[in-house]
């Protein structure tokens, strides 16, 4: 079981809102060094905490509903 700390939780909260946010902006937003953010995301990916990144399409906006 992967143990999340406060920094991991903050990173995940931002990624849930916008997973395409560049790491430089994410690190600036959280006040955490870029390398730390990169390494923590990689560790959570390797541990299976982050399984994938996804795009949710709204069919109504495309005229399908």
N, C-alpha and C. Protein backbone atom coordinates (compact mmCIF):
# COMPACT_ATOMS: atom_id res chain seq x y z
N UNK A 1 0.84 -1.18 0.00
CA UNK A 1 0.00 0.00 0.00
C UNK A 1 0.88 1.24 0.00
N UNK A 2 0.60 2.16 -0.89
CA UNK A 2 1.36 3.41 -1.02
C UNK A 2 0.83 4.41 0.00
N UNK A 3 1.74 5.01 0.74
CA UNK A 3 1.36 5.99 1.75
C UNK A 3 1.44 7.40 1.16
N UNK A 4 0.30 8.05 1.04
CA UNK A 4 0.25 9.42 0.54
C UNK A 4 0.55 10.39 1.66
N UNK A 5 1.37 11.38 1.36
CA UNK A 5 1.56 12.45 2.33
C UNK A 5 0.86 13.71 1.81
N UNK A 6 1.00 14.79 2.51
CA UNK A 6 0.29 16.03 2.17
C UNK A 6 0.65 16.53 0.77
N UNK A 7 1.92 16.43 0.40
CA UNK A 7 2.36 16.89 -0.92
C UNK A 7 1.74 16.02 -2.02
N UNK A 8 1.75 14.70 -1.84
CA UNK A 8 1.14 13.80 -2.82
C UNK A 8 -0.34 14.14 -3.02
N UNK A 9 -1.02 14.38 -1.94
CA UNK A 9 -2.46 14.70 -2.00
C UNK A 9 -2.68 15.99 -2.77
N UNK A 10 -1.85 17.00 -2.52
CA UNK A 10 -1.98 18.26 -3.25
C UNK A 10 -1.75 18.06 -4.74
N UNK A 11 -0.74 17.28 -5.08
CA UNK A 11 -0.45 17.00 -6.49
C UNK A 11 -1.64 16.30 -7.13
N UNK A 12 -2.19 15.30 -6.47
CA UNK A 12 -3.33 14.56 -7.02
C UNK A 12 -4.56 15.44 -7.18
N UNK A 13 -4.78 16.34 -6.25
CA UNK A 13 -5.93 17.24 -6.35
C UNK A 13 -5.83 18.12 -7.59
N UNK A 14 -4.65 18.63 -7.87
CA UNK A 14 -4.47 19.47 -9.05
C UNK A 14 -4.59 18.62 -10.31
N UNK A 15 -3.99 17.45 -10.33
CA UNK A 15 -4.05 16.59 -11.51
C UNK A 15 -5.48 16.16 -11.83
N UNK A 16 -6.30 15.98 -10.82
CA UNK A 16 -7.70 15.61 -11.06
C UNK A 16 -8.45 16.74 -11.74
N UNK A 17 -8.04 17.96 -11.51
CA UNK A 17 -8.67 19.12 -12.13
C UNK A 17 -8.14 19.33 -13.55
N UNK A 18 -6.82 19.21 -13.73
CA UNK A 18 -6.22 19.44 -15.04
C UNK A 18 -4.94 18.61 -15.16
N UNK A 19 -5.07 17.41 -15.72
CA UNK A 19 -3.91 16.53 -15.83
C UNK A 19 -2.94 16.99 -16.92
N UNK A 20 -3.35 17.93 -17.76
CA UNK A 20 -2.48 18.43 -18.83
C UNK A 20 -1.64 19.62 -18.39
N UNK A 21 -1.82 20.08 -17.17
CA UNK A 21 -1.07 21.22 -16.65
C UNK A 21 0.43 20.89 -16.69
N UNK A 22 1.23 21.74 -17.32
CA UNK A 22 2.69 21.48 -17.35
C UNK A 22 3.26 21.39 -15.93
N UNK A 23 4.26 20.54 -15.77
CA UNK A 23 4.86 20.35 -14.45
C UNK A 23 5.41 21.65 -13.89
N UNK A 24 5.92 22.52 -14.73
CA UNK A 24 6.44 23.79 -14.23
C UNK A 24 5.33 24.62 -13.59
N UNK A 25 4.16 24.65 -14.22
CA UNK A 25 3.03 25.40 -13.65
C UNK A 25 2.50 24.72 -12.40
N UNK A 26 2.46 23.40 -12.41
CA UNK A 26 2.00 22.66 -11.23
C UNK A 26 2.93 22.94 -10.05
N UNK A 27 4.23 22.90 -10.29
CA UNK A 27 5.18 23.14 -9.20
C UNK A 27 5.08 24.58 -8.69
N UNK A 28 4.89 25.54 -9.60
CA UNK A 28 4.72 26.93 -9.18
C UNK A 28 3.44 27.11 -8.37
N UNK A 29 2.36 26.47 -8.82
CA UNK A 29 1.07 26.59 -8.13
C UNK A 29 1.15 26.04 -6.71
N UNK A 30 1.89 24.95 -6.54
CA UNK A 30 1.98 24.31 -5.23
C UNK A 30 3.16 24.81 -4.40
N UNK A 31 4.08 25.56 -5.03
CA UNK A 31 5.26 26.02 -4.32
C UNK A 31 6.22 24.91 -4.00
N UNK A 32 6.31 23.94 -4.90
CA UNK A 32 7.16 22.76 -4.72
C UNK A 32 8.12 22.70 -5.91
N UNK A 33 9.38 22.36 -5.70
CA UNK A 33 10.32 22.29 -6.83
C UNK A 33 9.86 21.34 -7.94
N UNK A 34 10.15 21.72 -9.17
CA UNK A 34 9.76 20.95 -10.35
C UNK A 34 10.21 19.49 -10.25
N UNK A 35 11.46 19.27 -9.87
CA UNK A 35 11.99 17.91 -9.77
C UNK A 35 11.24 17.07 -8.75
N UNK A 36 10.83 17.68 -7.66
CA UNK A 36 10.07 16.98 -6.63
C UNK A 36 8.71 16.54 -7.17
N UNK A 37 8.05 17.45 -7.87
CA UNK A 37 6.73 17.12 -8.45
C UNK A 37 6.88 15.99 -9.46
N UNK A 38 7.86 16.11 -10.35
CA UNK A 38 8.10 15.08 -11.37
C UNK A 38 8.36 13.71 -10.73
N UNK A 39 9.25 13.68 -9.74
CA UNK A 39 9.60 12.42 -9.09
C UNK A 39 8.42 11.81 -8.35
N UNK A 40 7.64 12.63 -7.68
CA UNK A 40 6.49 12.12 -6.93
C UNK A 40 5.42 11.56 -7.86
N UNK A 41 5.17 12.25 -8.99
CA UNK A 41 4.20 11.74 -9.95
C UNK A 41 4.68 10.41 -10.51
N UNK A 42 5.95 10.33 -10.86
CA UNK A 42 6.51 9.08 -11.38
C UNK A 42 6.38 7.94 -10.37
N UNK A 43 6.66 8.23 -9.09
CA UNK A 43 6.53 7.20 -8.06
C UNK A 43 5.09 6.73 -7.92
N UNK A 44 4.14 7.68 -7.97
CA UNK A 44 2.73 7.30 -7.85
C UNK A 44 2.28 6.51 -9.08
N UNK A 45 2.81 6.84 -10.26
CA UNK A 45 2.50 6.06 -11.46
C UNK A 45 3.05 4.64 -11.32
N UNK A 46 4.31 4.53 -10.91
CA UNK A 46 4.95 3.22 -10.75
C UNK A 46 4.26 2.36 -9.70
N UNK A 47 3.74 2.99 -8.65
CA UNK A 47 3.06 2.27 -7.57
C UNK A 47 1.62 1.92 -7.91
N UNK A 48 1.11 2.46 -9.03
CA UNK A 48 -0.27 2.19 -9.41
C UNK A 48 -1.29 3.12 -8.80
N UNK A 49 -0.83 4.12 -8.06
CA UNK A 49 -1.75 5.11 -7.49
C UNK A 49 -2.40 5.89 -8.64
N UNK A 50 -1.59 6.30 -9.60
CA UNK A 50 -2.08 6.92 -10.82
C UNK A 50 -2.04 5.85 -11.89
N UNK A 51 -3.21 5.42 -12.35
CA UNK A 51 -3.28 4.35 -13.35
C UNK A 51 -3.21 4.88 -14.77
N UNK A 52 -3.89 5.98 -15.03
CA UNK A 52 -3.91 6.54 -16.38
C UNK A 52 -4.45 7.96 -16.33
N UNK A 53 -4.31 8.63 -17.45
CA UNK A 53 -4.85 9.96 -17.62
C UNK A 53 -5.93 9.82 -18.69
N UNK A 54 -7.02 10.54 -18.55
CA UNK A 54 -8.13 10.35 -19.47
C UNK A 54 -8.76 11.67 -19.87
N UNK A 55 -9.40 11.64 -21.03
CA UNK A 55 -10.18 12.77 -21.51
C UNK A 55 -11.63 12.32 -21.54
N UNK A 56 -12.52 13.10 -20.96
CA UNK A 56 -13.94 12.78 -20.94
C UNK A 56 -14.61 13.66 -21.99
N UNK A 57 -15.26 13.02 -22.93
CA UNK A 57 -15.92 13.73 -24.02
C UNK A 57 -17.41 13.91 -23.70
N UNK A 58 -17.91 15.11 -23.93
CA UNK A 58 -19.31 15.41 -23.70
C UNK A 58 -20.06 15.23 -25.01
N UNK A 59 -20.83 14.13 -25.17
CA UNK A 59 -21.51 13.87 -26.43
C UNK A 59 -22.54 14.95 -26.80
N UNK A 60 -23.15 15.59 -25.83
CA UNK A 60 -24.14 16.63 -26.10
C UNK A 60 -23.49 17.82 -26.81
N UNK A 61 -22.27 18.15 -26.43
CA UNK A 61 -21.56 19.26 -27.05
C UNK A 61 -21.19 18.95 -28.50
N UNK A 62 -21.17 17.69 -28.83
CA UNK A 62 -20.88 17.28 -30.20
C UNK A 62 -22.12 17.04 -31.02
N UNK A 63 -23.28 17.26 -30.39
CA UNK A 63 -24.56 17.12 -31.10
C UNK A 63 -25.07 15.69 -31.17
N UNK A 64 -24.61 14.81 -30.29
CA UNK A 64 -25.06 13.43 -30.32
C UNK A 64 -26.26 13.15 -29.44
N UNK A 65 -26.67 14.08 -28.62
CA UNK A 65 -27.83 13.87 -27.75
C UNK A 65 -28.90 14.90 -28.00
